[in-house]
Amino acid sequence: MNSCDSNFDVTSGLWSFPCISSHKPRKQQDPNLVQNIHHRYILGALNLNNVENGCIKGPHLIPDIPTSVCPCGAGWTSNQQLNGVNTFSRVLTIYTKIAPVQCQVYSRSCVNEESPCKKDWDEGDKECLHVVTRDTAAGDEIGWAFVNRVLSTKITFSAFCDLKTE
C-alpha cells in the first residue's frame, strides 16, 4: 500500500489527510456536520450576489469566549470589553460543495493589556472544517463527496476537481 492508499480507512469509513486541523473529520451522517452543511447552503443562498474574487464572503471565525478564567486571571471580558478582545489573524478560503467561501479568522486575547493570554480559533472543529494550509480549508462534506465518488467510480482527485469546476 502506498501513502495515497492510506488516506481512506474502509473499515471505519473515515478519511485522513495531513492538515493543520488536529480534530478528526465528522462521520458522514453526524448531526453537527449535517447542521453545518445546511448552514453553508443558507450562507451560499444569501450571499450569491456578494462575491469577491470568485468567493462568497463568509462569516468571521472567532474563538468562543471561554467559560474558564484565562491563565493570568485577568479574564476574557470586562465591563469595557463585553465581547472580549479579538484580533484579525488571516483570511481563510474554505471550499464547500456550493462555492469557495472567504472568511476572516480572528484570535481572542484576555483583557490584560500588558501581557494578554491568547486563544486561537480551533481550526474548524465546531464548523466541521479541515484546515489544510494556513490559507486553505475544506468542509468535511467535500471529503465525503470525493470518497463516495472514488468508491463508486474509482475517479482520481484531479478528475474530481475537474468535475467541480464544470
Protein backbone atom coordinates (compact mmCIF):
# COMPACT_ATOMS: atom_id res chain seq x y z
CA MET A 1 0.00 0.00 0.00
CA ASN A 2 1.43 3.39 -0.93
CA SER A 3 0.84 6.62 1.04
CA CYS A 4 -2.05 7.66 -1.23
CA ASP A 5 -3.93 4.45 -0.44
CA SER A 6 -3.67 5.05 3.29
CA ASN A 7 -5.88 8.16 3.31
CA PHE A 8 -9.18 6.27 3.46
CA ASP A 9 -9.98 3.57 6.01
CA VAL A 10 -12.76 1.39 4.57
CA THR A 11 -13.46 -0.25 7.94
CA SER A 12 -14.14 2.99 9.83
CA GLY A 13 -15.44 4.91 6.83
CA LEU A 14 -13.15 7.82 7.71
CA TRP A 15 -10.62 9.64 5.57
CA SER A 16 -7.43 11.25 6.74
CA PHE A 17 -5.23 13.78 5.00
CA PRO A 18 -2.30 15.63 6.57
CA CYS A 19 -3.51 19.07 7.64
CA ILE A 20 -3.26 21.78 10.28
CA SER A 21 -6.53 20.81 11.98
CA SER A 22 -5.94 18.26 14.70
CA HIS A 23 -9.54 17.03 15.04
CA LYS A 24 -10.95 14.05 13.14
CA PRO A 25 -13.45 14.59 10.33
CA ARG A 26 -17.08 14.07 11.28
CA LYS A 27 -18.80 10.91 10.11
CA GLN A 28 -20.98 11.44 7.07
CA GLN A 29 -24.31 11.49 8.96
CA ASP A 30 -23.02 13.26 12.10
CA PRO A 31 -25.75 15.75 13.20
CA ASN A 32 -23.16 18.54 13.63
CA LEU A 33 -21.89 18.01 10.06
CA VAL A 34 -25.46 17.93 8.69
CA GLN A 35 -26.24 21.17 10.55
CA ASN A 36 -23.07 22.85 9.25
CA ILE A 37 -23.79 21.78 5.66
CA HIS A 38 -27.30 23.25 6.00
CA HIS A 39 -25.79 26.46 7.40
CA ARG A 40 -23.37 26.63 4.43
CA TYR A 41 -26.25 26.24 1.94
CA ILE A 42 -28.13 29.11 3.62
CA LEU A 43 -24.96 31.22 3.67
CA GLY A 44 -24.44 30.49 -0.04
CA ALA A 45 -28.04 31.34 -0.97
CA LEU A 46 -27.95 34.60 0.97
CA ASN A 47 -24.58 35.69 -0.40
CA LEU A 48 -24.52 34.57 -4.03
CA ASN A 49 -24.56 38.24 -5.08
CA ASN A 50 -21.89 39.08 -2.51
CA VAL A 51 -18.97 37.58 -4.41
CA GLU A 52 -15.41 38.87 -4.47
CA ASN A 53 -12.57 37.15 -6.38
CA GLY A 54 -14.93 34.25 -7.17
CA CYS A 55 -15.58 33.60 -3.46
CA ILE A 56 -18.65 34.12 -1.31
CA LYS A 57 -17.93 36.35 1.67
CA GLY A 58 -18.25 34.15 4.72
CA PRO A 59 -18.59 34.65 8.45
CA HIS A 60 -15.83 35.75 10.81
CA LEU A 61 -14.26 32.77 12.55
CA ILE A 62 -13.68 33.80 16.17
CA PRO A 63 -12.96 31.60 19.17
CA ASP A 64 -15.85 31.40 21.62
CA ILE A 65 -15.42 33.24 24.90
CA PRO A 66 -14.02 30.58 27.24
CA THR A 67 -16.06 29.75 30.30
CA SER A 68 -12.89 29.31 32.36
CA VAL A 69 -10.69 32.16 33.57
CA CYS A 70 -7.59 32.82 31.48
CA PRO A 71 -4.21 31.68 32.91
CA CYS A 72 -3.20 35.19 34.04
CA GLY A 73 -6.54 35.72 35.84
CA ALA A 74 -7.50 38.97 34.05
CA GLY A 75 -10.50 37.39 32.32
CA TRP A 76 -11.63 37.17 28.73
CA THR A 77 -14.17 40.02 29.07
CA SER A 78 -14.64 43.14 31.18
CA ASN A 79 -17.23 45.88 31.66
CA GLN A 80 -15.44 47.83 28.90
CA GLN A 81 -14.88 44.78 26.66
CA LEU A 82 -18.16 42.84 26.87
CA ASN A 83 -17.29 40.69 23.84
CA GLY A 84 -13.62 40.44 24.71
CA VAL A 85 -10.66 41.39 22.55
CA ASN A 86 -10.43 39.88 19.06
CA THR A 87 -7.50 40.35 16.69
CA PHE A 88 -7.55 39.69 12.94
CA SER A 89 -5.24 36.80 12.07
CA ARG A 90 -5.72 35.85 8.41
CA VAL A 91 -8.10 35.24 5.50
CA LEU A 92 -9.09 31.60 5.04
CA THR A 93 -10.63 30.24 1.82
CA ILE A 94 -12.97 27.36 2.58
CA TYR A 95 -14.00 25.04 -0.23
CA THR A 96 -17.58 23.79 0.10
CA LYS A 97 -19.96 21.94 -2.22
CA ILE A 98 -21.56 25.30 -3.11
CA ALA A 99 -18.63 27.64 -3.73
CA PRO A 100 -15.39 28.79 -2.17
CA VAL A 101 -16.04 30.97 0.88
CA GLN A 102 -13.60 33.57 2.18
CA CYS A 103 -13.67 34.02 5.95
CA GLN A 104 -11.68 36.23 8.27
CA VAL A 105 -10.04 34.32 11.12
CA TYR A 106 -9.52 36.00 14.49
CA SER A 107 -7.76 35.11 17.72
CA ARG A 108 -9.03 36.08 21.16
CA SER A 109 -6.98 37.80 23.86
CA CYS A 110 -7.75 38.33 27.51
CA VAL A 111 -8.22 41.88 28.80
CA ASN A 112 -4.72 42.05 30.34
CA GLU A 113 -3.18 44.86 28.27
CA GLU A 114 0.44 44.26 29.36
CA SER A 115 0.76 40.52 28.73
CA PRO A 116 -2.51 39.09 27.39
CA CYS A 117 -3.31 35.41 27.23
CA LYS A 118 -4.22 34.31 23.70
CA LYS A 119 -6.67 31.74 22.37
CA ASP A 120 -6.54 30.80 18.69
CA TRP A 121 -9.51 29.69 16.61
CA ASP A 122 -9.90 25.89 16.85
CA GLU A 123 -9.11 25.32 13.15
CA GLY A 124 -12.64 24.26 12.24
CA ASP A 125 -13.72 21.59 14.72
CA LYS A 126 -17.05 23.26 15.57
CA GLU A 127 -17.67 24.20 11.91
CA CYS A 128 -16.75 20.71 10.53
CA LEU A 129 -13.87 22.14 8.52
CA HIS A 130 -10.37 20.89 7.90
CA VAL A 131 -7.66 23.48 7.51
CA VAL A 132 -5.17 22.05 5.06
CA THR A 133 -2.80 25.02 4.86
CA ARG A 134 -2.72 28.35 6.67
CA ASP A 135 -4.98 29.88 3.99
CA THR A 136 -7.00 26.91 2.68
CA ALA A 137 -9.66 24.68 4.21
CA ALA A 138 -12.41 22.33 3.08
CA GLY A 139 -15.73 21.40 4.58
CA ASP A 140 -15.87 17.76 5.67
CA GLU A 141 -18.61 17.27 3.06
CA ILE A 142 -16.03 17.80 0.28
CA GLY A 143 -14.04 14.85 1.63
CA TRP A 144 -17.16 12.69 1.76
CA ALA A 145 -18.21 13.70 -1.76
CA PHE A 146 -14.76 12.68 -3.01
CA VAL A 147 -14.73 9.40 -1.05
CA ASN A 148 -18.21 8.48 -2.31
CA ARG A 149 -17.16 9.23 -5.90
CA VAL A 150 -13.95 7.20 -5.56
CA LEU A 151 -15.79 4.20 -4.15
CA SER A 152 -18.43 4.28 -6.88
CA THR A 153 -16.33 5.23 -9.94
CA LYS A 154 -12.62 4.97 -8.95
CA ILE A 155 -12.18 8.61 -10.06
CA THR A 156 -8.89 10.41 -9.30
CA PHE A 157 -8.75 13.54 -7.16
CA SER A 158 -7.78 15.75 -10.12
CA ALA A 159 -10.73 14.38 -12.14
CA PHE A 160 -12.99 15.04 -9.13
CA CYS A 161 -11.73 18.65 -9.03
CA ASP A 162 -12.36 18.99 -12.77
CA LEU A 163 -15.98 17.88 -12.21
CA LYS A 164 -16.40 20.52 -9.51
CA THR A 165 -15.22 23.31 -11.82
CA GLU A 166 -17.51 22.42 -14.74
